[in-house]
Amino acid sequence: QVQLVESGGGLVQAGGSLRLSCAASARTTSSYVMGWFRQAPGKEREFVATVGWGGGSTYYADSVLGRFTISRDNAENTVYLQMNSLKPEDTAVYYCAADRRVYRLLPTQEVEYAYWGQGTQVTVSS
């Protein structure tokens, strides 16, 4: 069983930055695809970004492209989400997700991820 623990959320003003971290419990996650999703109040959870096991392949939602960067450190079993130029509409609970299946394309759907963290709150004030 893989456990994921997010950290780094908080309150930030619009235009500011935050870096989220997701620590995985097992070293085998270095071969897993990892992703970030978010859920704003009253809305469905949505895809944010994903990174392949080697870290060289990434994919982003259009809403965060150019502002957010996903990366991973397999030696530390950790994936990061650097969030810059934050906007009030980025306010949400951010979830880390992982899956060991091999996909032809990096997965962007919730059902493609088997393991989930508990989430970390990000609040962007205007």
Foldseek 3Di string as FASTA:
>chain_A
DKAKAKDWADEEAAQAKIKMKIAIDDLVLLQKKKFKWWDDPPGDIFGAKIAGSVFPDMDGDPVQPPFWDWGDDSVRRMIMIIGGRDDQVVWTWMKMFIDNDDDPDRDGDPVRTDYIYPTDTHGYHD
